[in-house]
């Protein structure tokens, strides 16, 4: 009989690589914005604005260009998920170890993916929903805000959010929706044919759908209902999600813990259990909060 040993499992690439790719299937942020390769630790994200080109007539002199740099800090944030198993899993035949790893990853992956959203959208700890002081930038801090009125059409709220973003010279190309707000759009029908007005709207987080010429992703991380300690009232975030710079700073690992009390659930040996823990360090920063608007429903 083969047993798993204490320490980090060597997860085959054919299992780990696809799992890394699945981050977007649990995260609206990852669906609407691409990951940036990052090294561990606090870093700087720098962008430049150089204005428009200058016309030069024949024989005329060329003028200088104005260069405006913008620097944003990208901070690391660590999340973990720990799953306990009975000790019998340690006695599994070597031929079944790969299957055990798959089961563990299937349990851990969605939670770690959603953690990215809870941090970027609301700056909260997914466990307990309290605000994290270190998460000083989150989309919910944007001053571009549209409040849903009782008789408002949902597309009117979206148009109003677009207008705020366009006024700040950004492109409102994306939208992340709470499922309840997505359902309002999804329920709209043509008065004559009764066909759906938004057939390309998907209720899944990934792949992205389409809504009113926006790339769309639907996730309950947007409103964080049942997770946030304080109601967010957010029904959607609209904007240019390329302004979110995020990446995985530390490669995901899977640790097998045989001794002690790693999660406050009691002594492992006493309970004839082992614990499997995976951790991820995300780095993220928001280039400009004016690139986003939030749609809120305070009355609800």
C-alpha atoms as a PDB file:
ATOM      1  CA  UNK A   1       0.000   0.000   0.000  1.00  0.00           C
ATOM      2  CA  UNK A   2       1.301   3.446  -0.932  1.00  0.00           C
ATOM      3  CA  UNK A   3       0.644   6.475   1.224  1.00  0.00           C
ATOM      4  CA  UNK A   4       0.813  10.190   0.617  1.00  0.00           C
ATOM      5  CA  UNK A   5       3.609  11.854   2.554  1.00  0.00           C
ATOM      6  CA  UNK A   6       3.699  15.147   4.398  1.00  0.00           C
ATOM      7  CA  UNK A   7       4.712  18.096   2.241  1.00  0.00           C
ATOM      8  CA  UNK A   8       3.736  19.341  -1.160  1.00  0.00           C
ATOM      9  CA  UNK A   9       2.304  16.925  -3.680  1.00  0.00           C
ATOM     10  CA  UNK A  10       3.899  16.888  -7.084  1.00  0.00           C
ATOM     11  CA  UNK A  11       0.793  17.471  -9.157  1.00  0.00           C
ATOM     12  CA  UNK A  12       1.145  16.316 -12.791  1.00  0.00           C
ATOM     13  CA  UNK A  13       1.134  19.181 -15.282  1.00  0.00           C
ATOM     14  CA  UNK A  14      -1.816  17.696 -17.138  1.00  0.00           C
ATOM     15  CA  UNK A  15      -3.849  18.269 -13.969  1.00  0.00           C
ATOM     16  CA  UNK A  16      -2.405  21.560 -12.684  1.00  0.00           C
ATOM     17  CA  UNK A  17      -2.230  23.520 -15.934  1.00  0.00           C
ATOM     18  CA  UNK A  18      -5.907  23.132 -16.871  1.00  0.00           C
ATOM     19  CA  UNK A  19      -6.861  23.989 -13.306  1.00  0.00           C
ATOM     20  CA  UNK A  20      -4.966  27.267 -13.492  1.00  0.00           C
ATOM     21  CA  UNK A  21      -6.916  27.964 -16.652  1.00  0.00           C
ATOM     22  CA  UNK A  22     -10.164  27.352 -14.788  1.00  0.00           C
ATOM     23  CA  UNK A  23      -9.669  30.400 -12.563  1.00  0.00           C
ATOM     24  CA  UNK A  24     -11.828  32.374 -14.979  1.00  0.00           C
ATOM     25  CA  UNK A  25     -14.689  29.897 -14.645  1.00  0.00           C
ATOM     26  CA  UNK A  26     -15.189  30.965 -11.044  1.00  0.00           C
ATOM     27  CA  UNK A  27     -14.244  34.618 -11.393  1.00  0.00           C
ATOM     28  CA  UNK A  28     -15.993  37.405 -13.284  1.00  0.00           C
ATOM     29  CA  UNK A  29     -12.837  39.521 -13.013  1.00  0.00           C
ATOM     30  CA  UNK A  30     -10.788  36.812 -14.706  1.00  0.00           C
ATOM     31  CA  UNK A  31     -13.448  36.342 -17.381  1.00  0.00           C
ATOM     32  CA  UNK A  32     -13.541  40.003 -18.365  1.00  0.00           C
ATOM     33  CA  UNK A  33      -9.840  40.847 -17.968  1.00  0.00           C
ATOM     34  CA  UNK A  34      -6.722  38.903 -18.846  1.00  0.00           C
ATOM     35  CA  UNK A  35      -4.141  37.879 -16.269  1.00  0.00           C
ATOM     36  CA  UNK A  36      -0.756  39.618 -16.205  1.00  0.00           C
ATOM     37  CA  UNK A  37       2.405  37.634 -15.377  1.00  0.00           C
ATOM     38  CA  UNK A  38       3.666  38.754 -11.971  1.00  0.00           C
ATOM     39  CA  UNK A  39       6.454  38.121  -9.530  1.00  0.00           C
ATOM     40  CA  UNK A  40       5.744  37.787  -5.826  1.00  0.00           C
ATOM     41  CA  UNK A  41       5.467  40.957  -3.774  1.00  0.00           C
ATOM     42  CA  UNK A  42       4.364  44.555  -4.136  1.00  0.00           C
ATOM     43  CA  UNK A  43       5.026  45.950  -7.582  1.00  0.00           C
ATOM     44  CA  UNK A  44       4.348  48.990  -9.707  1.00  0.00           C
ATOM     45  CA  UNK A  45       2.122  49.131 -12.743  1.00  0.00           C
ATOM     46  CA  UNK A  46       2.978  52.092 -14.964  1.00  0.00           C
ATOM     47  CA  UNK A  47       1.030  53.459 -17.904  1.00  0.00           C
ATOM     48  CA  UNK A  48       1.808  56.441 -20.139  1.00  0.00           C
ATOM     49  CA  UNK A  49      -0.303  59.009 -21.925  1.00  0.00           C
ATOM     50  CA  UNK A  50       1.405  60.856 -24.776  1.00  0.00           C
ATOM     51  CA  UNK A  51      -1.522  62.662 -26.362  1.00  0.00           C
ATOM     52  CA  UNK A  52      -2.203  62.844 -30.082  1.00  0.00           C
ATOM     53  CA  UNK A  53       0.206  62.996 -32.994  1.00  0.00           C
ATOM     54  CA  UNK A  54       1.330  66.359 -34.446  1.00  0.00           C
ATOM     55  CA  UNK A  55       0.970  67.359 -38.060  1.00  0.00           C
ATOM     56  CA  UNK A  56       4.241  68.567 -39.591  1.00  0.00           C
ATOM     57  CA  UNK A  57       4.110  70.665 -42.722  1.00  0.00           C
ATOM     58  CA  UNK A  58       6.773  70.480 -45.403  1.00  0.00           C
ATOM     59  CA  UNK A  59       9.947  72.074 -44.058  1.00  0.00           C
ATOM     60  CA  UNK A  60       8.311  72.829 -40.702  1.00  0.00           C
ATOM     61  CA  UNK A  61       9.814  72.124 -37.297  1.00  0.00           C
ATOM     62  CA  UNK A  62       8.600  69.284 -35.093  1.00  0.00           C
ATOM     63  CA  UNK A  63       7.382  70.108 -31.588  1.00  0.00           C
ATOM     64  CA  UNK A  64       7.748  68.082 -28.413  1.00  0.00           C
ATOM     65  CA  UNK A  65       5.251  65.615 -27.037  1.00  0.00           C
ATOM     66  CA  UNK A  66       3.853  65.641 -23.534  1.00  0.00           C
ATOM     67  CA  UNK A  67       4.458  62.426 -21.629  1.00  0.00           C
ATOM     68  CA  UNK A  68       2.219  61.779 -18.638  1.00  0.00           C
ATOM     69  CA  UNK A  69       3.090  58.683 -16.568  1.00  0.00           C
ATOM     70  CA  UNK A  70       0.629  57.066 -14.176  1.00  0.00           C
ATOM     71  CA  UNK A  71       1.898  54.651 -11.544  1.00  0.00           C
ATOM     72  CA  UNK A  72      -0.296  52.247  -9.608  1.00  0.00           C
ATOM     73  CA  UNK A  73       0.753  49.822  -6.911  1.00  0.00           C
ATOM     74  CA  UNK A  74      -0.051  46.138  -7.339  1.00  0.00           C
ATOM     75  CA  UNK A  75      -0.267  44.400  -3.973  1.00  0.00           C
ATOM     76  CA  UNK A  76      -0.156  40.695  -3.116  1.00  0.00           C
ATOM     77  CA  UNK A  77      -3.086  39.069  -1.319  1.00  0.00           C
ATOM     78  CA  UNK A  78      -3.023  35.495  -0.063  1.00  0.00           C
ATOM     79  CA  UNK A  79      -5.984  33.122   0.149  1.00  0.00           C
ATOM     80  CA  UNK A  80      -6.196  29.508   1.232  1.00  0.00           C
ATOM     81  CA  UNK A  81      -8.666  26.669   1.280  1.00  0.00           C
ATOM     82  CA  UNK A  82      -8.212  23.710   3.591  1.00  0.00           C
ATOM     83  CA  UNK A  83     -10.155  20.472   3.167  1.00  0.00           C
ATOM     84  CA  UNK A  84     -10.124  17.655   5.740  1.00  0.00           C
ATOM     85  CA  UNK A  85     -10.330  14.002   4.772  1.00  0.00           C
ATOM     86  CA  UNK A  86     -10.470  10.822   6.786  1.00  0.00           C
ATOM     87  CA  UNK A  87      -7.153   9.063   7.275  1.00  0.00           C
ATOM     88  CA  UNK A  88      -8.254   6.235   4.999  1.00  0.00           C
ATOM     89  CA  UNK A  89      -7.484   8.407   1.996  1.00  0.00           C
ATOM     90  CA  UNK A  90      -3.809   8.061   2.915  1.00  0.00           C
ATOM     91  CA  UNK A  91      -4.074   4.342   2.350  1.00  0.00           C
ATOM     92  CA  UNK A  92      -5.322   4.650  -1.195  1.00  0.00           C
ATOM     93  CA  UNK A  93      -3.604   2.524  -3.782  1.00  0.00           C
ATOM     94  CA  UNK A  94      -0.985   4.366  -5.810  1.00  0.00           C
ATOM     95  CA  UNK A  95      -3.079   3.849  -8.928  1.00  0.00           C
ATOM     96  CA  UNK A  96      -5.812   6.013  -7.426  1.00  0.00           C
ATOM     97  CA  UNK A  97      -3.716   8.921  -6.153  1.00  0.00           C
ATOM     98  CA  UNK A  98      -4.333  10.959  -9.285  1.00  0.00           C
ATOM     99  CA  UNK A  99      -8.068  10.589  -8.770  1.00  0.00           C
ATOM    100  CA  UNK A 100      -7.710  11.778  -5.177  1.00  0.00           C
ATOM    101  CA  UNK A 101      -5.849  14.878  -6.355  1.00  0.00           C
ATOM    102  CA  UNK A 102      -8.586  15.640  -8.885  1.00  0.00           C
ATOM    103  CA  UNK A 103     -11.267  15.434  -6.210  1.00  0.00           C
ATOM    104  CA  UNK A 104      -9.351  17.770  -3.917  1.00  0.00           C
ATOM    105  CA  UNK A 105      -8.771  20.313  -6.672  1.00  0.00           C
ATOM    106  CA  UNK A 106     -12.437  20.193  -7.646  1.00  0.00           C
ATOM    107  CA  UNK A 107     -13.307  21.200  -4.092  1.00  0.00           C
ATOM    108  CA  UNK A 108     -10.699  23.930  -3.731  1.00  0.00           C
ATOM    109  CA  UNK A 109     -10.543  25.589  -7.152  1.00  0.00           C
ATOM    110  CA  UNK A 110     -13.918  27.389  -7.215  1.00  0.00           C
ATOM    111  CA  UNK A 111     -13.411  28.944  -3.790  1.00  0.00           C
ATOM    112  CA  UNK A 112      -9.966  30.306  -4.634  1.00  0.00           C
ATOM    113  CA  UNK A 113     -11.235  31.643  -7.973  1.00  0.00           C
ATOM    114  CA  UNK A 114     -14.142  33.482  -6.358  1.00  0.00           C
ATOM    115  CA  UNK A 115     -11.770  34.982  -3.795  1.00  0.00           C
ATOM    116  CA  UNK A 116     -10.307  37.171  -6.550  1.00  0.00           C
ATOM    117  CA  UNK A 117     -13.728  38.734  -7.174  1.00  0.00           C
ATOM    118  CA  UNK A 118     -14.527  39.345  -3.525  1.00  0.00           C
ATOM    119  CA  UNK A 119     -11.214  41.186  -3.177  1.00  0.00           C
ATOM    120  CA  UNK A 120     -11.335  43.231  -6.378  1.00  0.00           C
ATOM    121  CA  UNK A 121     -15.044  44.044  -6.205  1.00  0.00           C
ATOM    122  CA  UNK A 122     -15.484  44.676  -2.480  1.00  0.00           C
ATOM    123  CA  UNK A 123     -12.176  44.280  -0.615  1.00  0.00           C
ATOM    124  CA  UNK A 124     -13.625  41.670   1.737  1.00  0.00           C
ATOM    125  CA  UNK A 125     -12.546  38.370   3.259  1.00  0.00           C
ATOM    126  CA  UNK A 126     -14.664  35.654   1.597  1.00  0.00           C
ATOM    127  CA  UNK A 127     -14.883  33.921   4.989  1.00  0.00           C
ATOM    128  CA  UNK A 128     -17.003  36.110   7.233  1.00  0.00           C
ATOM    129  CA  UNK A 129     -17.286  38.968   4.746  1.00  0.00           C
ATOM    130  CA  UNK A 130     -15.401  41.560   6.793  1.00  0.00           C
ATOM    131  CA  UNK A 131     -13.524  44.372   5.077  1.00  0.00           C
ATOM    132  CA  UNK A 132      -9.778  43.776   4.683  1.00  0.00           C
ATOM    133  CA  UNK A 133      -7.816  46.892   5.616  1.00  0.00           C
ATOM    134  CA  UNK A 134      -4.969  46.039   3.231  1.00  0.00           C
ATOM    135  CA  UNK A 135      -7.345  46.010   0.247  1.00  0.00           C
ATOM    136  CA  UNK A 136      -7.404  49.756  -0.183  1.00  0.00           C
ATOM    137  CA  UNK A 137      -8.715  49.770  -3.756  1.00  0.00           C
ATOM    138  CA  UNK A 138     -11.879  48.028  -4.898  1.00  0.00           C
ATOM    139  CA  UNK A 139     -14.440  48.657  -7.611  1.00  0.00           C
ATOM    140  CA  UNK A 140     -17.155  49.448  -5.079  1.00  0.00           C
ATOM    141  CA  UNK A 141     -15.179  52.607  -4.204  1.00  0.00           C
ATOM    142  CA  UNK A 142     -15.886  54.178  -7.605  1.00  0.00           C
ATOM    143  CA  UNK A 143     -17.752  57.468  -7.367  1.00  0.00           C
ATOM    144  CA  UNK A 144     -19.546  56.692 -10.642  1.00  0.00           C
ATOM    145  CA  UNK A 145     -22.796  55.339  -9.268  1.00  0.00           C
ATOM    146  CA  UNK A 146     -26.283  54.771 -10.668  1.00  0.00           C
ATOM    147  CA  UNK A 147     -29.154  53.950  -8.326  1.00  0.00           C
ATOM    148  CA  UNK A 148     -32.002  51.840  -9.640  1.00  0.00           C
ATOM    149  CA  UNK A 149     -35.395  53.490  -9.440  1.00  0.00           C
ATOM    150  CA  UNK A 150     -38.606  51.539  -8.900  1.00  0.00           C
ATOM    151  CA  UNK A 151     -39.859  52.116 -12.460  1.00  0.00           C
ATOM    152  CA  UNK A 152     -36.495  52.141 -14.244  1.00  0.00           C
ATOM    153  CA  UNK A 153     -35.853  49.980 -17.264  1.00  0.00           C
ATOM    154  CA  UNK A 154     -32.625  48.030 -16.735  1.00  0.00           C
ATOM    155  CA  UNK A 155     -31.137  49.167 -20.028  1.00  0.00           C
ATOM    156  CA  UNK A 156     -31.709  52.787 -18.951  1.00  0.00           C
ATOM    157  CA  UNK A 157     -29.580  52.151 -15.855  1.00  0.00           C
ATOM    158  CA  UNK A 158     -26.900  50.603 -18.043  1.00  0.00           C
ATOM    159  CA  UNK A 159     -27.019  53.554 -20.447  1.00  0.00           C
ATOM    160  CA  UNK A 160     -26.610  55.948 -17.520  1.00  0.00           C
ATOM    161  CA  UNK A 161     -23.593  54.009 -16.231  1.00  0.00           C
ATOM    162  CA  UNK A 162     -22.068  54.040 -19.714  1.00  0.00           C
ATOM    163  CA  UNK A 163     -22.519  57.807 -19.887  1.00  0.00           C
ATOM    164  CA  UNK A 164     -20.587  58.326 -16.648  1.00  0.00           C
ATOM    165  CA  UNK A 165     -17.691  56.229 -17.888  1.00  0.00           C
ATOM    166  CA  UNK A 166     -17.635  57.859 -21.318  1.00  0.00           C
ATOM    167  CA  UNK A 167     -17.586  61.279 -19.634  1.00  0.00           C
ATOM    168  CA  UNK A 168     -14.296  60.231 -18.017  1.00  0.00           C
ATOM    169  CA  UNK A 169     -12.909  59.204 -21.451  1.00  0.00           C
ATOM    170  CA  UNK A 170     -13.049  55.449 -20.827  1.00  0.00           C
ATOM    171  CA  UNK A 171     -14.685  52.699 -22.831  1.00  0.00           C
ATOM    172  CA  UNK A 172     -17.584  50.916 -21.068  1.00  0.00           C
ATOM    173  CA  UNK A 173     -17.019  47.651 -22.852  1.00  0.00           C
ATOM    174  CA  UNK A 174     -17.699  45.158 -20.020  1.00  0.00           C
ATOM    175  CA  UNK A 175     -20.280  44.394 -17.357  1.00  0.00           C
ATOM    176  CA  UNK A 176     -20.314  42.028 -14.393  1.00  0.00           C
ATOM    177  CA  UNK A 177     -23.837  41.358 -13.146  1.00  0.00           C
ATOM    178  CA  UNK A 178     -25.419  39.920 -10.042  1.00  0.00           C
ATOM    179  CA  UNK A 179     -27.737  37.041 -11.083  1.00  0.00           C
ATOM    180  CA  UNK A 180     -30.817  38.961  -9.911  1.00  0.00           C
ATOM    181  CA  UNK A 181     -29.999  41.891 -12.209  1.00  0.00           C
ATOM    182  CA  UNK A 182     -29.132  39.591 -15.108  1.00  0.00           C
ATOM    183  CA  UNK A 183     -32.548  37.963 -14.701  1.00  0.00           C
ATOM    184  CA  UNK A 184     -34.248  41.333 -15.230  1.00  0.00           C
ATOM    185  CA  UNK A 185     -32.592  41.617 -18.652  1.00  0.00           C
ATOM    186  CA  UNK A 186     -33.141  37.942 -19.414  1.00  0.00           C
ATOM    187  CA  UNK A 187     -36.872  38.243 -18.781  1.00  0.00           C
ATOM    188  CA  UNK A 188     -37.425  40.985 -21.369  1.00  0.00           C
ATOM    189  CA  UNK A 189     -39.331  39.904 -24.492  1.00  0.00           C
ATOM    190  CA  UNK A 190     -40.320  41.468 -27.775  1.00  0.00           C
ATOM    191  CA  UNK A 191     -43.920  42.596 -27.355  1.00  0.00           C
ATOM    192  CA  UNK A 192     -44.954  41.133 -30.707  1.00  0.00           C
ATOM    193  CA  UNK A 193     -42.874  37.988 -31.230  1.00  0.00           C
ATOM    194  CA  UNK A 194     -42.166  37.238 -27.547  1.00  0.00           C
ATOM    195  CA  UNK A 195     -38.564  36.511 -28.501  1.00  0.00           C
ATOM    196  CA  UNK A 196     -35.869  37.293 -25.956  1.00  0.00           C
ATOM    197  CA  UNK A 197     -34.381  40.761 -26.361  1.00  0.00           C
ATOM    198  CA  UNK A 198     -30.998  39.548 -25.100  1.00  0.00           C
ATOM    199  CA  UNK A 199     -30.460  35.996 -26.364  1.00  0.00           C
ATOM    200  CA  UNK A 200     -26.678  36.275 -26.020  1.00  0.00           C
ATOM    201  CA  UNK A 201     -26.822  36.978 -22.301  1.00  0.00           C
ATOM    202  CA  UNK A 202     -25.455  33.979 -20.443  1.00  0.00           C
ATOM    203  CA  UNK A 203     -26.165  33.334 -16.764  1.00  0.00           C
ATOM    204  CA  UNK A 204     -22.750  31.749 -16.302  1.00  0.00           C
ATOM    205  CA  UNK A 205     -19.538  33.395 -15.138  1.00  0.00           C
ATOM    206  CA  UNK A 206     -17.611  32.093 -18.131  1.00  0.00           C
ATOM    207  CA  UNK A 207     -17.365  32.126 -21.017  1.00  0.00           C
ATOM    208  CA  UNK A 208     -18.384  35.739 -21.438  1.00  0.00           C
ATOM    209  CA  UNK A 209     -21.776  36.547 -22.910  1.00  0.00           C
ATOM    210  CA  UNK A 210     -22.996  39.728 -24.562  1.00  0.00           C
ATOM    211  CA  UNK A 211     -25.396  42.352 -23.217  1.00  0.00           C
ATOM    212  CA  UNK A 212     -26.109  45.689 -24.872  1.00  0.00           C
ATOM    213  CA  UNK A 213     -22.750  45.585 -26.711  1.00  0.00           C
ATOM    214  CA  UNK A 214     -20.893  44.736 -23.490  1.00  0.00           C
ATOM    215  CA  UNK A 215     -18.928  41.612 -22.692  1.00  0.00           C
ATOM    216  CA  UNK A 216     -20.883  40.153 -19.789  1.00  0.00           C
ATOM    217  CA  UNK A 217     -20.225  37.820 -16.880  1.00  0.00           C
ATOM    218  CA  UNK A 218     -22.763  36.817 -14.231  1.00  0.00           C
ATOM    219  CA  UNK A 219     -21.689  35.946 -10.698  1.00  0.00           C
ATOM    220  CA  UNK A 220     -23.091  36.310  -7.194  1.00  0.00           C
ATOM    221  CA  UNK A 221     -19.691  37.731  -6.221  1.00  0.00           C
ATOM    222  CA  UNK A 222     -20.887  41.029  -7.738  1.00  0.00           C
ATOM    223  CA  UNK A 223     -23.431  41.675  -4.996  1.00  0.00           C
ATOM    224  CA  UNK A 224     -21.704  39.388  -2.476  1.00  0.00           C
ATOM    225  CA  UNK A 225     -25.112  38.615  -0.981  1.00  0.00           C
ATOM    226  CA  UNK A 226     -24.742  36.225   1.926  1.00  0.00           C
ATOM    227  CA  UNK A 227     -20.972  36.786   2.018  1.00  0.00           C
ATOM    228  CA  UNK A 228     -20.397  40.489   2.726  1.00  0.00           C
ATOM    229  CA  UNK A 229     -20.903  41.371   6.385  1.00  0.00           C
ATOM    230  CA  UNK A 230     -22.528  44.634   5.280  1.00  0.00           C
ATOM    231  CA  UNK A 231     -24.945  44.735   2.333  1.00  0.00           C
ATOM    232  CA  UNK A 232     -23.238  46.112  -0.777  1.00  0.00           C
ATOM    233  CA  UNK A 233     -26.464  46.841  -2.745  1.00  0.00           C
ATOM    234  CA  UNK A 234     -24.408  46.362  -5.939  1.00  0.00           C
ATOM    235  CA  UNK A 235     -26.221  44.868  -8.914  1.00  0.00           C
ATOM    236  CA  UNK A 236     -23.559  45.430 -11.571  1.00  0.00           C
ATOM    237  CA  UNK A 237     -20.121  46.809 -12.300  1.00  0.00           C
ATOM    238  CA  UNK A 238     -19.767  48.418 -15.721  1.00  0.00           C
ATOM    239  CA  UNK A 239     -16.546  49.596 -17.313  1.00  0.00           C
ATOM    240  CA  UNK A 240     -13.266  48.785 -18.963  1.00  0.00           C
ATOM    241  CA  UNK A 241     -12.069  45.692 -17.110  1.00  0.00           C
ATOM    242  CA  UNK A 242      -8.659  45.947 -18.774  1.00  0.00           C
ATOM    243  CA  UNK A 243      -8.021  48.652 -16.145  1.00  0.00           C
ATOM    244  CA  UNK A 244      -7.771  45.828 -13.587  1.00  0.00           C
ATOM    245  CA  UNK A 245      -4.220  44.486 -13.457  1.00  0.00           C
ATOM    246  CA  UNK A 246      -4.230  41.090 -11.790  1.00  0.00           C
ATOM    247  CA  UNK A 247      -2.177  37.944 -11.814  1.00  0.00           C
ATOM    248  CA  UNK A 248      -1.157  34.884  -9.835  1.00  0.00           C
ATOM    249  CA  UNK A 249       2.043  35.737  -8.009  1.00  0.00           C
ATOM    250  CA  UNK A 250       2.613  32.346  -6.478  1.00  0.00           C
ATOM    251  CA  UNK A 251       1.912  29.101  -8.280  1.00  0.00           C
ATOM    252  CA  UNK A 252      -0.803  27.060  -6.663  1.00  0.00           C
ATOM    253  CA  UNK A 253       0.393  24.192  -4.514  1.00  0.00           C
ATOM    254  CA  UNK A 254      -1.279  21.366  -2.677  1.00  0.00           C
ATOM    255  CA  UNK A 255      -0.018  20.517   0.784  1.00  0.00           C
ATOM    256  CA  UNK A 256      -0.864  17.376   2.712  1.00  0.00           C
ATOM    257  CA  UNK A 257      -0.914  17.989   6.487  1.00  0.00           C
ATOM    258  CA  UNK A 258      -0.866  14.973   8.795  1.00  0.00           C
ATOM    259  CA  UNK A 259      -0.228  16.497  12.205  1.00  0.00           C
ATOM    260  CA  UNK A 260      -1.494  19.303  14.392  1.00  0.00           C
ATOM    261  CA  UNK A 261      -4.548  21.509  14.069  1.00  0.00           C
ATOM    262  CA  UNK A 262      -4.050  23.558  10.873  1.00  0.00           C
ATOM    263  CA  UNK A 263      -7.529  25.065  10.696  1.00  0.00           C
ATOM    264  CA  UNK A 264      -8.955  25.069  14.213  1.00  0.00           C
ATOM    265  CA  UNK A 265     -10.939  21.896  13.570  1.00  0.00           C
ATOM    266  CA  UNK A 266      -9.171  19.772  16.166  1.00  0.00           C
ATOM    267  CA  UNK A 267      -6.091  17.557  16.255  1.00  0.00           C
ATOM    268  CA  UNK A 268      -5.743  15.583  13.046  1.00  0.00           C
ATOM    269  CA  UNK A 269      -4.361  12.440  14.665  1.00  0.00           C
ATOM    270  CA  UNK A 270      -7.018  12.414  17.352  1.00  0.00           C
ATOM    271  CA  UNK A 271      -9.713  12.591  14.708  1.00  0.00           C
ATOM    272  CA  UNK A 272      -8.025  10.158  12.294  1.00  0.00           C
ATOM    273  CA  UNK A 273      -7.921  12.809   9.613  1.00  0.00           C
ATOM    274  CA  UNK A 274      -5.561  14.482   7.192  1.00  0.00           C
ATOM    275  CA  UNK A 275      -5.870  17.988   5.759  1.00  0.00           C
ATOM    276  CA  UNK A 276      -5.263  19.147   2.214  1.00  0.00           C
ATOM    277  CA  UNK A 277      -4.473  22.824   1.781  1.00  0.00           C
ATOM    278  CA  UNK A 278      -4.000  24.920  -1.316  1.00  0.00           C
ATOM    279  CA  UNK A 279      -2.951  28.562  -1.298  1.00  0.00           C
ATOM    280  CA  UNK A 280      -2.816  31.226  -3.940  1.00  0.00           C
ATOM    281  CA  UNK A 281      -1.268  34.668  -3.889  1.00  0.00           C
ATOM    282  CA  UNK A 282      -3.056  37.063  -6.211  1.00  0.00           C
ATOM    283  CA  UNK A 283      -1.684  40.457  -7.069  1.00  0.00           C
ATOM    284  CA  UNK A 284      -3.995  43.171  -8.286  1.00  0.00           C
ATOM    285  CA  UNK A 285      -4.354  46.884  -8.740  1.00  0.00           C
ATOM    286  CA  UNK A 286      -6.919  49.141 -10.408  1.00  0.00           C
ATOM    287  CA  UNK A 287      -5.472  51.592 -12.902  1.00  0.00           C
ATOM    288  CA  UNK A 288      -8.315  54.114 -12.563  1.00  0.00           C
ATOM    289  CA  UNK A 289     -11.618  53.810 -10.697  1.00  0.00           C
ATOM    290  CA  UNK A 290     -13.137  56.296 -13.143  1.00  0.00           C
ATOM    291  CA  UNK A 291     -13.044  53.498 -15.721  1.00  0.00           C
ATOM    292  CA  UNK A 292     -15.919  51.874 -13.799  1.00  0.00           C
ATOM    293  CA  UNK A 293     -19.416  52.613 -12.618  1.00  0.00           C
ATOM    294  CA  UNK A 294     -21.576  50.636 -10.223  1.00  0.00           C
ATOM    295  CA  UNK A 295     -25.296  50.108 -10.455  1.00  0.00           C
ATOM    296  CA  UNK A 296     -26.869  49.812  -7.017  1.00  0.00           C
ATOM    297  CA  UNK A 297     -30.300  49.040  -5.636  1.00  0.00           C
ATOM    298  CA  UNK A 298     -30.346  50.517  -2.155  1.00  0.00           C
ATOM    299  CA  UNK A 299     -34.130  50.167  -1.872  1.00  0.00           C
ATOM    300  CA  UNK A 300     -33.948  46.410  -2.348  1.00  0.00           C
END
